[in-house]
Amino acid sequence: MDYRKIAASSNTETRDVMELAETVGNVYEMVMIISKRANQLSIEMKQDLDAKLQEFASYTDNLEEVFENHEQIEISRFYEKLPKPSLLAIEEWNENEIYYRNPAKEKEMFG
């Protein structure tokens, strides 16, 4: 899933938590699912940003020379403007794009 294409709002919105939790039936379980997905997105975004910034890395030990790279600044600004991972995860939840399973519930059903 490409997190850059998710149409999540960058602003904070008030949401009805009980309505969001209807598919799972438990607010705490829904919060855990969304938080784990937000963590995954955060890690993915961090790795992507690090990979792009690695292209501009300078391996010289000269502290006197500080280069201002405009491309690097633009990449950083782009990532700063993206919605937060938690907002992306909530949008994925609303679109039913998050796959989740609960092994404890599966054990009760089949065990």
PDB file of N, CA and C in Angstrom:
ATOM      1  N   MET A   1       0.843  -1.174   0.000  1.00  0.00           N
ATOM      2  CA  MET A   1       0.000   0.000   0.000  1.00  0.00           C
ATOM      3  C   MET A   1       0.883   1.229   0.000  1.00  0.00           C
ATOM      4  N   ASP A   2       0.573   2.151  -0.881  1.00  0.00           N
ATOM      5  CA  ASP A   2       1.344   3.376  -0.984  1.00  0.00           C
ATOM      6  C   ASP A   2       0.710   4.447  -0.104  1.00  0.00           C
ATOM      7  N   TYR A   3       1.376   4.787   0.975  1.00  0.00           N
ATOM      8  CA  TYR A   3       0.814   5.735   1.931  1.00  0.00           C
ATOM      9  C   TYR A   3       0.710   7.136   1.352  1.00  0.00           C
ATOM     10  N   ARG A   4       1.424   7.428   0.259  1.00  0.00           N
ATOM     11  CA  ARG A   4       1.347   8.752  -0.350  1.00  0.00           C
ATOM     12  C   ARG A   4       0.041   8.959  -1.108  1.00  0.00           C
ATOM     13  N   LYS A   5      -0.651   7.881  -1.438  1.00  0.00           N
ATOM     14  CA  LYS A   5      -1.883   7.984  -2.225  1.00  0.00           C
ATOM     15  C   LYS A   5      -3.144   7.923  -1.371  1.00  0.00           C
ATOM     16  N   ILE A   6      -3.006   7.758  -0.067  1.00  0.00           N
ATOM     17  CA  ILE A   6      -4.168   7.698   0.810  1.00  0.00           C
ATOM     18  C   ILE A   6      -4.679   9.120   1.026  1.00  0.00           C
ATOM     19  N   ALA A   7      -5.962   9.303   0.844  1.00  0.00           N
ATOM     20  CA  ALA A   7      -6.555  10.639   0.960  1.00  0.00           C
ATOM     21  C   ALA A   7      -6.969  10.924   2.399  1.00  0.00           C
ATOM     22  N   ALA A   8      -6.036  10.880   3.291  1.00  0.00           N
ATOM     23  CA  ALA A   8      -6.328  11.144   4.705  1.00  0.00           C
ATOM     24  C   ALA A   8      -6.197  12.637   4.978  1.00  0.00           C
ATOM     25  N   SER A   9      -7.007  13.113   5.867  1.00  0.00           N
ATOM     26  CA  SER A   9      -6.956  14.516   6.257  1.00  0.00           C
ATOM     27  C   SER A   9      -5.729  14.756   7.121  1.00  0.00           C
ATOM     28  N   SER A  10      -5.095  15.912   6.940  1.00  0.00           N
ATOM     29  CA  SER A  10      -3.957  16.229   7.797  1.00  0.00           C
ATOM     30  C   SER A  10      -4.384  16.951   9.063  1.00  0.00           C
ATOM     31  N   ASN A  11      -5.652  17.286   9.132  1.00  0.00           N
ATOM     32  CA  ASN A  11      -6.173  17.980  10.312  1.00  0.00           C
ATOM     33  C   ASN A  11      -6.824  16.995  11.273  1.00  0.00           C
ATOM     34  N   THR A  12      -6.877  17.391  12.516  1.00  0.00           N
ATOM     35  CA  THR A  12      -7.521  16.577  13.530  1.00  0.00           C
ATOM     36  C   THR A  12      -9.031  16.682  13.379  1.00  0.00           C
ATOM     37  N   GLU A  13      -9.711  15.556  13.445  1.00  0.00           N
ATOM     38  CA  GLU A  13     -11.166  15.524  13.336  1.00  0.00           C
ATOM     39  C   GLU A  13     -11.726  14.773  14.530  1.00  0.00           C
ATOM     40  N   THR A  14     -12.933  15.133  14.907  1.00  0.00           N
ATOM     41  CA  THR A  14     -13.627  14.395  15.953  1.00  0.00           C
ATOM     42  C   THR A  14     -14.307  13.200  15.298  1.00  0.00           C
ATOM     43  N   ARG A  15     -14.077  12.021  15.864  1.00  0.00           N
ATOM     44  CA  ARG A  15     -14.652  10.804  15.296  1.00  0.00           C
ATOM     45  C   ARG A  15     -15.457  10.073  16.367  1.00  0.00           C
ATOM     46  N   ASP A  16     -16.495   9.382  15.911  1.00  0.00           N
ATOM     47  CA  ASP A  16     -17.304   8.575  16.820  1.00  0.00           C
ATOM     48  C   ASP A  16     -16.612   7.226  16.984  1.00  0.00           C
ATOM     49  N   VAL A  17     -15.990   7.028  18.116  1.00  0.00           N
ATOM     50  CA  VAL A  17     -15.194   5.824  18.360  1.00  0.00           C
ATOM     51  C   VAL A  17     -16.069   4.570  18.342  1.00  0.00           C
ATOM     52  N   MET A  18     -17.268   4.688  18.876  1.00  0.00           N
ATOM     53  CA  MET A  18     -18.159   3.526  18.913  1.00  0.00           C
ATOM     54  C   MET A  18     -18.549   3.095  17.494  1.00  0.00           C
ATOM     55  N   GLU A  19     -18.734   4.069  16.617  1.00  0.00           N
ATOM     56  CA  GLU A  19     -19.064   3.759  15.227  1.00  0.00           C
ATOM     57  C   GLU A  19     -17.873   3.105  14.525  1.00  0.00           C
ATOM     58  N   LEU A  20     -16.676   3.592  14.804  1.00  0.00           N
ATOM     59  CA  LEU A  20     -15.471   3.003  14.213  1.00  0.00           C
ATOM     60  C   LEU A  20     -15.266   1.565  14.677  1.00  0.00           C
ATOM     61  N   ALA A  21     -15.654   1.271  15.921  1.00  0.00           N
ATOM     62  CA  ALA A  21     -15.401  -0.048  16.503  1.00  0.00           C
ATOM     63  C   ALA A  21     -16.493  -1.062  16.183  1.00  0.00           C
ATOM     64  N   GLU A  22     -17.510  -0.680  15.419  1.00  0.00           N
ATOM     65  CA  GLU A  22     -18.619  -1.599  15.148  1.00  0.00           C
ATOM     66  C   GLU A  22     -18.172  -2.887  14.458  1.00  0.00           C
ATOM     67  N   THR A  23     -17.213  -2.806  13.561  1.00  0.00           N
ATOM     68  CA  THR A  23     -16.789  -4.010  12.832  1.00  0.00           C
ATOM     69  C   THR A  23     -16.114  -5.028  13.737  1.00  0.00           C
ATOM     70  N   VAL A  24     -15.410  -4.540  14.765  1.00  0.00           N
ATOM     71  CA  VAL A  24     -14.707  -5.435  15.688  1.00  0.00           C
ATOM     72  C   VAL A  24     -15.564  -5.733  16.911  1.00  0.00           C
ATOM     73  N   GLY A  25     -16.330  -4.748  17.350  1.00  0.00           N
ATOM     74  CA  GLY A  25     -17.169  -4.927  18.521  1.00  0.00           C
ATOM     75  C   GLY A  25     -16.512  -4.528  19.818  1.00  0.00           C
ATOM     76  N   ASN A  26     -15.252  -4.136  19.762  1.00  0.00           N
ATOM     77  CA  ASN A  26     -14.513  -3.789  20.962  1.00  0.00           C
ATOM     78  C   ASN A  26     -13.631  -2.578  20.656  1.00  0.00           C
ATOM     79  N   VAL A  27     -13.836  -1.504  21.383  1.00  0.00           N
ATOM     80  CA  VAL A  27     -13.088  -0.268  21.136  1.00  0.00           C
ATOM     81  C   VAL A  27     -11.593  -0.482  21.331  1.00  0.00           C
ATOM     82  N   TYR A  28     -11.221  -1.209  22.380  1.00  0.00           N
ATOM     83  CA  TYR A  28      -9.806  -1.399  22.699  1.00  0.00           C
ATOM     84  C   TYR A  28      -9.112  -2.237  21.626  1.00  0.00           C
ATOM     85  N   GLU A  29      -9.815  -3.216  21.098  1.00  0.00           N
ATOM     86  CA  GLU A  29      -9.234  -4.033  20.029  1.00  0.00           C
ATOM     87  C   GLU A  29      -9.035  -3.191  18.771  1.00  0.00           C
ATOM     88  N   MET A  30     -10.014  -2.336  18.450  1.00  0.00           N
ATOM     89  CA  MET A  30      -9.905  -1.459  17.299  1.00  0.00           C
ATOM     90  C   MET A  30      -8.726  -0.498  17.460  1.00  0.00           C
ATOM     91  N   VAL A  31      -8.558   0.059  18.648  1.00  0.00           N
ATOM     92  CA  VAL A  31      -7.450   0.981  18.898  1.00  0.00           C
ATOM     93  C   VAL A  31      -6.117   0.252  18.727  1.00  0.00           C
ATOM     94  N   MET A  32      -6.028  -0.967  19.197  1.00  0.00           N
ATOM     95  CA  MET A  32      -4.789  -1.746  19.046  1.00  0.00           C
ATOM     96  C   MET A  32      -4.491  -2.034  17.575  1.00  0.00           C
ATOM     97  N   ILE A  33      -5.510  -2.385  16.812  1.00  0.00           N
ATOM     98  CA  ILE A  33      -5.316  -2.675  15.383  1.00  0.00           C
ATOM     99  C   ILE A  33      -4.823  -1.425  14.663  1.00  0.00           C
ATOM    100  N   ILE A  34      -5.486  -0.296  14.922  1.00  0.00           N
ATOM    101  CA  ILE A  34      -5.109   0.949  14.261  1.00  0.00           C
ATOM    102  C   ILE A  34      -3.715   1.393  14.706  1.00  0.00           C
ATOM    103  N   SER A  35      -3.405   1.232  15.980  1.00  0.00           N
ATOM    104  CA  SER A  35      -2.085   1.663  16.461  1.00  0.00           C
ATOM    105  C   SER A  35      -0.969   0.797  15.884  1.00  0.00           C
ATOM    106  N   LYS A  36      -1.206  -0.498  15.741  1.00  0.00           N
ATOM    107  CA  LYS A  36      -0.182  -1.364  15.139  1.00  0.00           C
ATOM    108  C   LYS A  36       0.024  -1.012  13.672  1.00  0.00           C
ATOM    109  N   ARG A  37      -1.058  -0.699  12.972  1.00  0.00           N
ATOM    110  CA  ARG A  37      -0.934  -0.305  11.568  1.00  0.00           C
ATOM    111  C   ARG A  37      -0.220   1.046  11.460  1.00  0.00           C
ATOM    112  N   ALA A  38      -0.524   1.968  12.356  1.00  0.00           N
ATOM    113  CA  ALA A  38       0.152   3.266  12.351  1.00  0.00           C
ATOM    114  C   ALA A  38       1.651   3.087  12.597  1.00  0.00           C
ATOM    115  N   ASN A  39       2.001   2.158  13.467  1.00  0.00           N
ATOM    116  CA  ASN A  39       3.410   1.846  13.720  1.00  0.00           C
ATOM    117  C   ASN A  39       4.085   1.322  12.460  1.00  0.00           C
ATOM    118  N   GLN A  40       3.405   0.412  11.744  1.00  0.00           N
ATOM    119  CA  GLN A  40       3.948  -0.118  10.496  1.00  0.00           C
ATOM    120  C   GLN A  40       4.166   1.001   9.474  1.00  0.00           C
ATOM    121  N   LEU A  41       3.174   1.876   9.344  1.00  0.00           N
ATOM    122  CA  LEU A  41       3.287   2.987   8.400  1.00  0.00           C
ATOM    123  C   LEU A  41       4.421   3.927   8.787  1.00  0.00           C
ATOM    124  N   SER A  42       4.569   4.183  10.080  1.00  0.00           N
ATOM    125  CA  SER A  42       5.632   5.057  10.558  1.00  0.00           C
ATOM    126  C   SER A  42       7.004   4.493  10.206  1.00  0.00           C
ATOM    127  N   ILE A  43       7.179   3.210  10.418  1.00  0.00           N
ATOM    128  CA  ILE A  43       8.456   2.556  10.099  1.00  0.00           C
ATOM    129  C   ILE A  43       8.718   2.607   8.593  1.00  0.00           C
ATOM    130  N   GLU A  44       7.685   2.335   7.807  1.00  0.00           N
ATOM    131  CA  GLU A  44       7.819   2.370   6.348  1.00  0.00           C
ATOM    132  C   GLU A  44       8.195   3.772   5.864  1.00  0.00           C
ATOM    133  N   MET A  45       7.538   4.796   6.415  1.00  0.00           N
ATOM    134  CA  MET A  45       7.831   6.171   6.027  1.00  0.00           C
ATOM    135  C   MET A  45       9.251   6.557   6.419  1.00  0.00           C
ATOM    136  N   LYS A  46       9.674   6.150   7.608  1.00  0.00           N
ATOM    137  CA  LYS A  46      11.024   6.462   8.088  1.00  0.00           C
ATOM    138  C   LYS A  46      12.082   5.807   7.206  1.00  0.00           C
ATOM    139  N   GLN A  47      11.874   4.548   6.838  1.00  0.00           N
ATOM    140  CA  GLN A  47      12.827   3.853   5.977  1.00  0.00           C
ATOM    141  C   GLN A  47      12.887   4.489   4.594  1.00  0.00           C
ATOM    142  N   ASP A  48      11.725   4.879   4.073  1.00  0.00           N
ATOM    143  CA  ASP A  48      11.659   5.514   2.764  1.00  0.00           C
ATOM    144  C   ASP A  48      12.396   6.852   2.785  1.00  0.00           C
ATOM    145  N   LEU A  49      12.154   7.652   3.814  1.00  0.00           N
ATOM    146  CA  LEU A  49      12.829   8.950   3.935  1.00  0.00           C
ATOM    147  C   LEU A  49      14.329   8.763   4.103  1.00  0.00           C
ATOM    148  N   ASP A  50      14.739   7.823   4.942  1.00  0.00           N
ATOM    149  CA  ASP A  50      16.168   7.562   5.151  1.00  0.00           C
ATOM    150  C   ASP A  50      16.854   7.139   3.854  1.00  0.00           C
ATOM    151  N   ALA A  51      16.172   6.309   3.061  1.00  0.00           N
ATOM    152  CA  ALA A  51      16.741   5.849   1.793  1.00  0.00           C
ATOM    153  C   ALA A  51      16.932   7.021   0.831  1.00  0.00           C
ATOM    154  N   LYS A  52      15.963   7.920   0.791  1.00  0.00           N
ATOM    155  CA  LYS A  52      16.080   9.071  -0.106  1.00  0.00           C
ATOM    156  C   LYS A  52      17.142  10.053   0.370  1.00  0.00           C
ATOM    157  N   LEU A  53      17.238  10.254   1.680  1.00  0.00           N
ATOM    158  CA  LEU A  53      18.235  11.179   2.207  1.00  0.00           C
ATOM    159  C   LEU A  53      19.643  10.592   2.160  1.00  0.00           C
ATOM    160  N   GLN A  54      19.742   9.283   2.113  1.00  0.00           N
ATOM    161  CA  GLN A  54      21.050   8.616   2.044  1.00  0.00           C
ATOM    162  C   GLN A  54      21.771   8.986   0.746  1.00  0.00           C
ATOM    163  N   GLU A  55      21.022   9.311  -0.301  1.00  0.00           N
ATOM    164  CA  GLU A  55      21.633   9.706  -1.569  1.00  0.00           C
ATOM    165  C   GLU A  55      22.443  10.993  -1.420  1.00  0.00           C
ATOM    166  N   PHE A  56      22.068  11.826  -0.446  1.00  0.00           N
ATOM    167  CA  PHE A  56      22.735  13.105  -0.256  1.00  0.00           C
ATOM    168  C   PHE A  56      23.780  13.067   0.851  1.00  0.00           C
ATOM    169  N   ALA A  57      24.016  11.899   1.404  1.00  0.00           N
ATOM    170  CA  ALA A  57      24.935  11.785   2.542  1.00  0.00           C
ATOM    171  C   ALA A  57      26.356  12.131   2.117  1.00  0.00           C
ATOM    172  N   SER A  58      27.012  12.864   2.967  1.00  0.00           N
ATOM    173  CA  SER A  58      28.397  13.231   2.744  1.00  0.00           C
ATOM    174  C   SER A  58      29.240  12.515   3.793  1.00  0.00           C
ATOM    175  N   TYR A  59      30.280  11.857   3.348  1.00  0.00           N
ATOM    176  CA  TYR A  59      31.086  11.063   4.269  1.00  0.00           C
ATOM    177  C   TYR A  59      32.417  11.744   4.604  1.00  0.00           C
ATOM    178  N   THR A  60      32.476  13.035   4.407  1.00  0.00           N
ATOM    179  CA  THR A  60      33.703  13.749   4.773  1.00  0.00           C
ATOM    180  C   THR A  60      33.605  14.191   6.231  1.00  0.00           C
ATOM    181  N   ASP A  61      34.737  14.284   6.860  1.00  0.00           N
ATOM    182  CA  ASP A  61      34.779  14.641   8.279  1.00  0.00           C
ATOM    183  C   ASP A  61      35.062  16.126   8.493  1.00  0.00           C
ATOM    184  N   ASN A  62      34.853  16.927   7.489  1.00  0.00           N
ATOM    185  CA  ASN A  62      35.133  18.340   7.607  1.00  0.00           C
ATOM    186  C   ASN A  62      33.914  19.059   8.182  1.00  0.00           C
ATOM    187  N   LEU A  63      34.023  19.526   9.406  1.00  0.00           N
ATOM    188  CA  LEU A  63      32.916  20.198  10.072  1.00  0.00           C
ATOM    189  C   LEU A  63      32.742  21.637   9.595  1.00  0.00           C
ATOM    190  N   GLU A  64      33.754  22.194   8.937  1.00  0.00           N
ATOM    191  CA  GLU A  64      33.671  23.580   8.505  1.00  0.00           C
ATOM    192  C   GLU A  64      32.770  23.734   7.281  1.00  0.00           C
ATOM    193  N   GLU A  65      32.710  22.713   6.472  1.00  0.00           N
ATOM    194  CA  GLU A  65      31.902  22.791   5.260  1.00  0.00           C
ATOM    195  C   GLU A  65      30.493  22.268   5.537  1.00  0.00           C
ATOM    196  N   VAL A  66      29.531  23.122   5.378  1.00  0.00           N
ATOM    197  CA  VAL A  66      28.130  22.720   5.532  1.00  0.00           C
ATOM    198  C   VAL A  66      27.433  23.091   4.231  1.00  0.00           C
ATOM    199  N   PHE A  67      26.937  22.065   3.549  1.00  0.00           N
ATOM    200  CA  PHE A  67      26.285  22.304   2.280  1.00  0.00           C
ATOM    201  C   PHE A  67      24.779  22.326   2.478  1.00  0.00           C
ATOM    202  N   GLU A  68      24.139  23.259   1.829  1.00  0.00           N
ATOM    203  CA  GLU A  68      22.686  23.339   1.881  1.00  0.00           C
ATOM    204  C   GLU A  68      22.167  22.797   0.561  1.00  0.00           C
ATOM    205  N   ASN A  69      21.578  21.624   0.614  1.00  0.00           N
ATOM    206  CA  ASN A  69      21.087  20.985  -0.591  1.00  0.00           C
ATOM    207  C   ASN A  69      19.580  21.209  -0.693  1.00  0.00           C
ATOM    208  N   HIS A  70      19.162  21.910  -1.736  1.00  0.00           N
ATOM    209  CA  HIS A  70      17.751  22.267  -1.879  1.00  0.00           C
ATOM    210  C   HIS A  70      16.874  21.052  -2.165  1.00  0.00           C
ATOM    211  N   GLU A  71      17.403  20.069  -2.884  1.00  0.00           N
ATOM    212  CA  GLU A  71      16.626  18.845  -3.146  1.00  0.00           C
ATOM    213  C   GLU A  71      16.339  18.105  -1.843  1.00  0.00           C
ATOM    214  N   GLN A  72      17.325  18.050  -0.992  1.00  0.00           N
ATOM    215  CA  GLN A  72      17.175  17.389   0.308  1.00  0.00           C
ATOM    216  C   GLN A  72      16.136  18.122   1.157  1.00  0.00           C
ATOM    217  N   ILE A  73      16.139  19.434   1.101  1.00  0.00           N
ATOM    218  CA  ILE A  73      15.173  20.227   1.856  1.00  0.00           C
ATOM    219  C   ILE A  73      13.768  19.979   1.322  1.00  0.00           C
ATOM    220  N   GLU A  74      13.612  19.895   0.015  1.00  0.00           N
ATOM    221  CA  GLU A  74      12.298  19.656  -0.587  1.00  0.00           C
ATOM    222  C   GLU A  74      11.757  18.275  -0.220  1.00  0.00           C
ATOM    223  N   ILE A  75      12.622  17.274  -0.193  1.00  0.00           N
ATOM    224  CA  ILE A  75      12.200  15.924   0.204  1.00  0.00           C
ATOM    225  C   ILE A  75      11.736  15.940   1.651  1.00  0.00           C
ATOM    226  N   SER A  76      12.485  16.596   2.512  1.00  0.00           N
ATOM    227  CA  SER A  76      12.100  16.672   3.924  1.00  0.00           C
ATOM    228  C   SER A  76      10.772  17.401   4.096  1.00  0.00           C
ATOM    229  N   ARG A  77      10.577  18.480   3.367  1.00  0.00           N
ATOM    230  CA  ARG A  77       9.305  19.215   3.446  1.00  0.00           C
ATOM    231  C   ARG A  77       8.138  18.368   2.975  1.00  0.00           C
ATOM    232  N   PHE A  78       8.358  17.581   1.919  1.00  0.00           N
ATOM    233  CA  PHE A  78       7.299  16.705   1.419  1.00  0.00           C
ATOM    234  C   PHE A  78       6.851  15.740   2.504  1.00  0.00           C
ATOM    235  N   TYR A  79       7.813  15.131   3.192  1.00  0.00           N
ATOM    236  CA  TYR A  79       7.470  14.164   4.238  1.00  0.00           C
ATOM    237  C   TYR A  79       6.844  14.844   5.455  1.00  0.00           C
ATOM    238  N   GLU A  80       7.225  16.090   5.714  1.00  0.00           N
ATOM    239  CA  GLU A  80       6.620  16.816   6.828  1.00  0.00           C
ATOM    240  C   GLU A  80       5.159  17.138   6.556  1.00  0.00           C
ATOM    241  N   LYS A  81       4.800  17.342   5.287  1.00  0.00           N
ATOM    242  CA  LYS A  81       3.432  17.693   4.917  1.00  0.00           C
ATOM    243  C   LYS A  81       2.504  16.494   4.832  1.00  0.00           C
ATOM    244  N   LEU A  82       3.066  15.296   4.798  1.00  0.00           N
ATOM    245  CA  LEU A  82       2.218  14.100   4.745  1.00  0.00           C
ATOM    246  C   LEU A  82       1.413  13.975   6.031  1.00  0.00           C
ATOM    247  N   PRO A  83       0.218  13.383   5.947  1.00  0.00           N
ATOM    248  CA  PRO A  83      -0.552  13.147   7.180  1.00  0.00           C
ATOM    249  C   PRO A  83       0.202  12.210   8.115  1.00  0.00           C
ATOM    250  N   LYS A  84      -0.054  12.333   9.387  1.00  0.00           N
ATOM    251  CA  LYS A  84       0.589  11.481  10.380  1.00  0.00           C
ATOM    252  C   LYS A  84       0.172  10.026  10.175  1.00  0.00           C
ATOM    253  N   PRO A  85       1.035   9.074  10.553  1.00  0.00           N
ATOM    254  CA  PRO A  85       0.705   7.656  10.374  1.00  0.00           C
ATOM    255  C   PRO A  85      -0.601   7.241  11.040  1.00  0.00           C
ATOM    256  N   SER A  86      -0.923   7.836  12.181  1.00  0.00           N
ATOM    257  CA  SER A  86      -2.170   7.479  12.855  1.00  0.00           C
ATOM    258  C   SER A  86      -3.376   7.896  12.020  1.00  0.00           C
ATOM    259  N   LEU A  87      -3.304   9.055  11.374  1.00  0.00           N
ATOM    260  CA  LEU A  87      -4.407   9.497  10.509  1.00  0.00           C
ATOM    261  C   LEU A  87      -4.520   8.612   9.265  1.00  0.00           C
ATOM    262  N   LEU A  88      -3.378   8.186   8.737  1.00  0.00           N
ATOM    263  CA  LEU A  88      -3.395   7.276   7.590  1.00  0.00           C
ATOM    264  C   LEU A  88      -4.022   5.936   7.978  1.00  0.00           C
ATOM    265  N   ALA A  89      -3.673   5.448   9.159  1.00  0.00           N
ATOM    266  CA  ALA A  89      -4.208   4.168   9.632  1.00  0.00           C
ATOM    267  C   ALA A  89      -5.714   4.254   9.862  1.00  0.00           C
ATOM    268  N   ILE A  90      -6.183   5.363  10.401  1.00  0.00           N
ATOM    269  CA  ILE A  90      -7.628   5.532  10.608  1.00  0.00           C
ATOM    270  C   ILE A  90      -8.354   5.558   9.268  1.00  0.00           C
ATOM    271  N   GLU A  91      -7.764   6.219   8.289  1.00  0.00           N
ATOM    272  CA  GLU A  91      -8.384   6.263   6.958  1.00  0.00           C
ATOM    273  C   GLU A  91      -8.423   4.865   6.341  1.00  0.00           C
ATOM    274  N   GLU A  92      -7.347   4.092   6.496  1.00  0.00           N
ATOM    275  CA  GLU A  92      -7.343   2.710   6.015  1.00  0.00           C
ATOM    276  C   GLU A  92      -8.418   1.893   6.735  1.00  0.00           C
ATOM    277  N   TRP A  93      -8.600   2.132   8.018  1.00  0.00           N
ATOM    278  CA  TRP A  93      -9.619   1.424   8.796  1.00  0.00           C
ATOM    279  C   TRP A  93     -11.016   1.745   8.255  1.00  0.00           C
ATOM    280  N   ASN A  94     -11.240   3.025   7.970  1.00  0.00           N
ATOM    281  CA  ASN A  94     -12.541   3.435   7.432  1.00  0.00           C
ATOM    282  C   ASN A  94     -12.817   2.824   6.064  1.00  0.00           C
ATOM    283  N   GLU A  95     -11.777   2.603   5.289  1.00  0.00           N
ATOM    284  CA  GLU A  95     -11.918   2.024   3.948  1.00  0.00           C
ATOM    285  C   GLU A  95     -11.858   0.491   3.976  1.00  0.00           C
ATOM    286  N   ASN A  96     -11.791  -0.108   5.158  1.00  0.00           N
ATOM    287  CA  ASN A  96     -11.682  -1.573   5.325  1.00  0.00           C
ATOM    288  C   ASN A  96     -10.489  -2.150   4.577  1.00  0.00           C
ATOM    289  N   GLU A  97      -9.359  -1.467   4.656  1.00  0.00           N
ATOM    290  CA  GLU A  97      -8.148  -1.903   3.969  1.00  0.00           C
ATOM    291  C   GLU A  97      -7.121  -2.532   4.909  1.00  0.00           C
ATOM    292  N   ILE A  98      -7.467  -2.682   6.175  1.00  0.00           N
ATOM    293  CA  ILE A  98      -6.542  -3.281   7.138  1.00  0.00           C
ATOM    294  C   ILE A  98      -6.952  -4.727   7.371  1.00  0.00           C
ATOM    295  N   TYR A  99      -6.005  -5.634   7.131  1.00  0.00           N
ATOM    296  CA  TYR A  99      -6.241  -7.050   7.427  1.00  0.00           C
ATOM    297  C   TYR A  99      -5.774  -7.294   8.853  1.00  0.00           C
ATOM    298  N   TYR A 100      -6.612  -7.928   9.630  1.00  0.00           N
ATOM    299  CA  TYR A 100      -6.251  -8.240  11.009  1.00  0.00           C
ATOM    300  C   TYR A 100      -6.881  -9.566  11.390  1.00  0.00           C
ATOM    301  N   ARG A 101      -6.296 -10.177  12.388  1.00  0.00           N
ATOM    302  CA  ARG A 101      -6.867 -11.408  12.946  1.00  0.00           C
ATOM    303  C   ARG A 101      -6.501 -11.462  14.412  1.00  0.00           C
ATOM    304  N   ASN A 102      -7.327 -12.171  15.154  1.00  0.00           N
ATOM    305  CA  ASN A 102      -7.105 -12.318  16.584  1.00  0.00           C
ATOM    306  C   ASN A 102      -6.946 -13.807  16.883  1.00  0.00           C
ATOM    307  N   PRO A 103      -5.726 -14.280  17.109  1.00  0.00           N
ATOM    308  CA  PRO A 103      -5.502 -15.705  17.357  1.00  0.00           C
ATOM    309  C   PRO A 103      -6.282 -16.235  18.556  1.00  0.00           C
ATOM    310  N   ALA A 104      -6.509 -15.411  19.564  1.00  0.00           N
ATOM    311  CA  ALA A 104      -7.253 -15.857  20.750  1.00  0.00           C
ATOM    312  C   ALA A 104      -8.694 -16.185  20.378  1.00  0.00           C
ATOM    313  N   LYS A 105      -9.300 -15.362  19.547  1.00  0.00           N
ATOM    314  CA  LYS A 105     -10.675 -15.620  19.109  1.00  0.00           C
ATOM    315  C   LYS A 105     -10.736 -16.841  18.197  1.00  0.00           C
ATOM    316  N   GLU A 106      -9.704 -17.016  17.361  1.00  0.00           N
ATOM    317  CA  GLU A 106      -9.669 -18.179  16.482  1.00  0.00           C
ATOM    318  C   GLU A 106      -9.546 -19.458  17.300  1.00  0.00           C
ATOM    319  N   LYS A 107      -8.777 -19.409  18.363  1.00  0.00           N
ATOM    320  CA  LYS A 107      -8.595 -20.575  19.229  1.00  0.00           C
ATOM    321  C   LYS A 107      -9.930 -20.964  19.901  1.00  0.00           C
ATOM    322  N   GLU A 108     -10.689 -19.939  20.315  1.00  0.00           N
ATOM    323  CA  GLU A 108     -11.995 -20.186  20.936  1.00  0.00           C
ATOM    324  C   GLU A 108     -12.957 -20.825  19.945  1.00  0.00           C
ATOM    325  N   MET A 109     -12.910 -20.394  18.709  1.00  0.00           N
ATOM    326  CA  MET A 109     -13.838 -20.902  17.698  1.00  0.00           C
ATOM    327  C   MET A 109     -13.479 -22.317  17.259  1.00  0.00           C
ATOM    328  N   PHE A 110     -12.180 -22.575  17.082  1.00  0.00           N
ATOM    329  CA  PHE A 110     -11.759 -23.863  16.518  1.00  0.00           C
ATOM    330  C   PHE A 110     -11.162 -24.807  17.550  1.00  0.00           C
ATOM    331  N   GLY A 111     -10.880 -24.320  18.718  1.00  0.00           N
ATOM    332  CA  GLY A 111     -10.144 -25.094  19.690  1.00  0.00           C
ATOM    333  C   GLY A 111     -11.010 -25.879  20.559  1.00  0.00           C
TER     334      GLY A 111
END
